[in-house]
Amino acid sequence: MLGVAPAAVALVLLSPSARAAGGALAASTTISADTCPTSEASAAAQRLVRWVAATADHQGMPFAVIDKPQARIHVFSARGQWLGSSPVLLGVARGDRSAPDIGTRPLSLIPPQERTTPAGRFVTEPGRNLQGDDIVWIDYEAAVSLHRVRSVKASERRRQRLASPSLPDKRISYGCINAPEPFYNQLIAPLFGQARGVVYILPDTEPFATFFGAASAY
């Protein structure tokens, strides 16, 4: 499952506008609800993006949709312009809610079945981890963040997992979302690492409508 070369991790998709500007994030026009290309986004992700575009639920902030069933992230500017998509690593356990008090426990006391990436709408904040690395807090109390992929243990082979086409390979973290370093540096850090944003995380065990009922009709 993990035989793909680590260099393939850099193979992420950036929109033409993001590429043309060398990653510059100021969009000159507002784009339609069908921004995210169908080849990159699941039906549920497209439905959510249509709802955000129609209702301005992101409140003028940059936003991202994390599609847990597909293990992908789709990033949008504050004007709703799709900027790029990438594979991500997620919590090892399927599940859409964080365990109580999980953010107060050391990693060694979090059993595998509680290592979930929660679903829902989150207002993000820039932050730093204990090592001083810049990260994006998704749920501070639950200690869930979006950050560059990094090796916790060499045996986890996280970079190889990001490059693998296998969805089960993407399940390895304690609940945080790991993105490829080039993608993070070009899109995540400038957008979400400087100010607040919105991250929508699609569920993988509970119904879509449980978390995004208003978006179900779009």
Protein backbone atom coordinates (compact mmCIF):
# COMPACT_ATOMS: atom_id res chain seq x y z
CA MET A 1 0.00 0.00 0.00
CA LEU A 2 2.87 2.38 0.72
CA GLY A 3 5.09 1.80 -2.27
CA VAL A 4 4.62 5.22 -3.90
CA ALA A 5 7.71 7.43 -3.99
CA PRO A 6 7.71 10.24 -1.41
CA ALA A 7 8.22 12.81 -4.17
CA ALA A 8 4.66 12.15 -5.31
CA VAL A 9 3.42 13.95 -2.21
CA ALA A 10 3.98 17.22 -4.04
CA LEU A 11 1.48 16.26 -6.75
CA VAL A 12 -1.38 18.47 -5.58
CA LEU A 13 -3.80 20.42 -7.74
CA LEU A 14 -3.75 24.22 -7.74
CA SER A 15 -6.28 26.28 -9.64
CA PRO A 16 -5.07 28.23 -12.71
CA SER A 17 -5.38 31.52 -10.84
CA ALA A 18 -3.31 30.26 -7.93
CA ARG A 19 -0.64 28.91 -10.27
CA ALA A 20 -0.56 32.02 -12.41
CA ALA A 21 0.01 34.18 -9.38
CA GLY A 22 2.65 31.87 -8.00
CA GLY A 23 0.36 31.07 -5.12
CA ALA A 24 -0.89 34.64 -4.65
CA LEU A 25 -4.25 34.54 -2.94
CA ALA A 26 -5.98 37.78 -3.82
CA ALA A 27 -8.83 36.90 -6.15
CA SER A 28 -10.05 39.57 -8.52
CA THR A 29 -13.43 38.05 -9.18
CA THR A 30 -16.08 36.14 -7.33
CA ILE A 31 -16.61 32.70 -8.72
CA SER A 32 -19.70 30.52 -8.97
CA ALA A 33 -20.84 27.76 -6.66
CA ASP A 34 -19.45 25.15 -9.06
CA THR A 35 -15.89 26.27 -8.42
CA CYS A 36 -14.39 23.03 -7.22
CA PRO A 37 -13.94 20.73 -10.24
CA THR A 38 -15.96 17.53 -10.17
CA SER A 39 -12.83 15.49 -10.77
CA GLU A 40 -11.47 16.73 -7.45
CA ALA A 41 -14.55 16.89 -5.22
CA SER A 42 -17.15 14.36 -4.12
CA ALA A 43 -20.86 15.04 -4.51
CA ALA A 44 -21.13 15.87 -0.80
CA ALA A 45 -18.24 18.34 -0.98
CA GLN A 46 -19.77 20.02 -4.04
CA ARG A 47 -23.12 20.28 -2.27
CA LEU A 48 -21.48 21.94 0.71
CA VAL A 49 -19.58 24.40 -1.50
CA ARG A 50 -22.80 25.33 -3.32
CA TRP A 51 -24.45 26.04 0.03
CA VAL A 52 -21.54 28.15 1.25
CA ALA A 53 -21.53 30.12 -2.01
CA ALA A 54 -25.30 30.66 -1.92
CA THR A 55 -25.52 31.69 1.75
CA ALA A 56 -22.07 33.23 2.38
CA ASP A 57 -21.84 31.03 5.44
CA HIS A 58 -18.07 31.60 5.47
CA GLN A 59 -18.77 35.24 6.38
CA GLY A 60 -16.15 36.66 4.08
CA MET A 61 -13.33 34.51 5.43
CA PRO A 62 -11.21 32.02 3.49
CA PHE A 63 -12.55 28.51 3.88
CA ALA A 64 -11.63 24.90 3.30
CA VAL A 65 -13.67 21.73 2.91
CA ILE A 66 -12.10 18.58 4.30
CA ASP A 67 -13.73 15.55 2.74
CA LYS A 68 -12.99 12.78 5.21
CA PRO A 69 -14.43 9.93 3.10
CA GLN A 70 -12.12 10.97 0.25
CA ALA A 71 -9.22 12.13 2.47
CA ARG A 72 -8.91 15.42 0.56
CA ILE A 73 -8.90 19.12 1.34
CA HIS A 74 -10.28 21.81 -0.98
CA VAL A 75 -9.20 25.40 -0.29
CA PHE A 76 -11.11 28.57 -1.22
CA SER A 77 -10.35 32.26 -0.98
CA ALA A 78 -12.47 34.70 1.02
CA ARG A 79 -14.32 35.46 -2.25
CA GLY A 80 -15.13 31.79 -2.76
CA GLN A 81 -12.54 31.15 -5.43
CA TRP A 82 -11.24 27.59 -5.52
CA LEU A 83 -7.46 27.71 -5.09
CA GLY A 84 -6.41 24.09 -4.87
CA SER A 85 -6.96 20.57 -3.55
CA SER A 86 -4.72 17.99 -1.96
CA PRO A 87 -4.76 14.63 -0.18
CA VAL A 88 -4.53 14.78 3.61
CA LEU A 89 -3.95 12.41 6.50
CA LEU A 90 -6.70 12.01 9.09
CA GLY A 91 -7.42 10.39 12.43
CA VAL A 92 -6.84 6.65 12.44
CA ALA A 93 -10.37 5.90 13.69
CA ARG A 94 -13.59 6.54 11.81
CA GLY A 95 -15.92 8.75 13.79
CA ASP A 96 -17.26 12.28 13.73
CA ARG A 97 -16.95 13.49 17.30
CA SER A 98 -14.02 14.05 19.62
CA ALA A 99 -13.91 12.08 22.86
CA PRO A 100 -14.60 14.10 26.04
CA ASP A 101 -11.52 15.80 27.51
CA ILE A 102 -9.33 14.43 24.74
CA GLY A 103 -7.51 17.73 24.48
CA THR A 104 -6.28 17.48 28.07
CA ARG A 105 -4.77 14.01 27.76
CA PRO A 106 -1.25 13.11 26.62
CA LEU A 107 -1.12 11.24 23.31
CA SER A 108 -0.06 8.06 25.10
CA LEU A 109 -3.43 7.97 26.88
CA ILE A 110 -5.56 8.28 23.74
CA PRO A 111 -6.58 4.79 22.56
CA PRO A 112 -6.81 4.13 18.80
CA GLN A 113 -10.62 4.12 18.79
CA GLU A 114 -10.65 7.71 20.07
CA ARG A 115 -8.25 9.07 17.45
CA THR A 116 -10.97 10.64 15.34
CA THR A 117 -11.12 13.77 13.20
CA PRO A 118 -14.35 15.52 14.21
CA ALA A 119 -16.90 16.66 11.64
CA GLY A 120 -18.61 20.03 11.54
CA ARG A 121 -18.05 23.73 10.95
CA PHE A 122 -15.06 25.25 12.72
CA VAL A 123 -13.73 28.79 12.88
CA THR A 124 -9.96 28.42 12.76
CA GLU A 125 -7.20 30.40 14.43
CA PRO A 126 -3.47 30.59 13.74
CA GLY A 127 -1.32 29.00 16.41
CA ARG A 128 1.84 27.12 17.29
CA ASN A 129 2.48 23.67 18.66
CA LEU A 130 4.78 22.79 21.56
CA GLN A 131 7.73 22.62 19.16
CA GLY A 132 7.10 26.17 17.97
CA ASP A 133 5.85 25.16 14.52
CA ASP A 134 3.07 27.27 13.03
CA ILE A 135 -0.22 25.39 12.80
CA VAL A 136 -3.89 26.16 12.28
CA TRP A 137 -6.16 25.39 15.20
CA ILE A 138 -9.43 23.81 14.13
CA ASP A 139 -10.69 22.88 17.60
CA TYR A 140 -8.34 24.12 20.29
CA GLU A 141 -10.14 22.43 23.20
CA ALA A 142 -10.00 19.06 21.45
CA ALA A 143 -6.40 19.70 20.32
CA VAL A 144 -7.33 19.24 16.65
CA SER A 145 -5.22 21.20 14.19
CA LEU A 146 -4.27 21.39 10.53
CA HIS A 147 -0.52 21.28 9.98
CA ARG A 148 2.27 20.16 7.69
CA VAL A 149 2.88 16.44 7.59
CA ARG A 150 5.64 15.45 9.95
CA SER A 151 7.01 12.14 11.10
CA VAL A 152 5.97 11.12 14.60
CA LYS A 153 7.56 7.70 14.15
CA ALA A 154 9.53 6.63 11.11
CA SER A 155 7.49 3.42 11.00
CA GLU A 156 4.30 5.43 10.33
CA ARG A 157 5.65 6.52 6.94
CA ARG A 158 3.33 9.49 6.83
CA ARG A 159 4.76 11.07 3.69
CA GLN A 160 4.45 7.80 1.82
CA ARG A 161 0.87 7.48 3.04
CA LEU A 162 0.04 10.90 1.64
CA ALA A 163 1.34 9.78 -1.75
CA SER A 164 -0.49 6.46 -1.68
CA PRO A 165 -3.73 6.12 -3.71
CA SER A 166 -5.20 3.95 -0.94
CA LEU A 167 -7.75 5.69 1.31
CA PRO A 168 -7.02 3.41 4.32
CA ASP A 169 -3.41 4.60 4.16
CA LYS A 170 -4.62 8.13 4.93
CA ARG A 171 -5.79 7.09 8.41
CA ILE A 172 -2.83 7.47 10.75
CA SER A 173 -3.05 10.60 12.93
CA TYR A 174 -4.42 11.18 16.42
CA GLY A 175 -7.13 13.36 14.89
CA CYS A 176 -5.21 16.25 13.36
CA ILE A 177 -5.19 16.88 9.62
CA ASN A 178 -1.77 16.55 7.94
CA ALA A 179 -1.23 18.28 4.58
CA PRO A 180 1.77 18.05 2.21
CA GLU A 181 4.36 20.68 3.10
CA PRO A 182 4.38 22.44 -0.33
CA PHE A 183 0.59 22.71 -0.33
CA TYR A 184 0.55 23.94 3.25
CA ASN A 185 3.22 26.56 2.59
CA GLN A 186 1.57 27.85 -0.58
CA LEU A 187 -2.09 27.94 0.47
CA ILE A 188 -2.76 27.06 4.10
CA ALA A 189 -0.12 29.20 5.80
CA PRO A 190 -0.89 32.44 3.89
CA LEU A 191 -4.65 32.08 4.23
CA PHE A 192 -5.30 30.43 7.58
CA GLY A 193 -1.97 31.05 9.25
CA GLN A 194 -2.43 34.83 9.36
CA ALA A 195 -6.07 35.28 10.36
CA ARG A 196 -9.24 33.37 11.08
CA GLY A 197 -10.91 31.16 8.51
CA VAL A 198 -13.61 28.51 8.33
CA VAL A 199 -13.05 24.79 7.92
CA TYR A 200 -15.91 22.45 7.08
CA ILE A 201 -15.19 18.78 7.82
CA LEU A 202 -17.51 16.24 6.21
CA PRO A 203 -18.62 13.27 8.33
CA ASP A 204 -17.65 9.69 7.63
CA THR A 205 -19.96 7.78 10.01
CA GLU A 206 -22.96 10.04 10.67
CA PRO A 207 -25.32 11.44 8.00
CA PHE A 208 -24.32 14.59 6.14
CA ALA A 209 -27.50 16.31 7.37
CA THR A 210 -26.54 15.77 11.01
CA PHE A 211 -23.83 18.40 10.64
CA PHE A 212 -24.93 20.33 7.55
CA GLY A 213 -28.69 20.07 7.46
CA ALA A 214 -29.14 23.43 5.78
CA ALA A 215 -26.82 22.33 2.95
CA SER A 216 -28.72 19.14 2.17
CA ALA A 217 -30.97 20.81 -0.41
CA TYR A 218 -28.10 22.24 -2.50
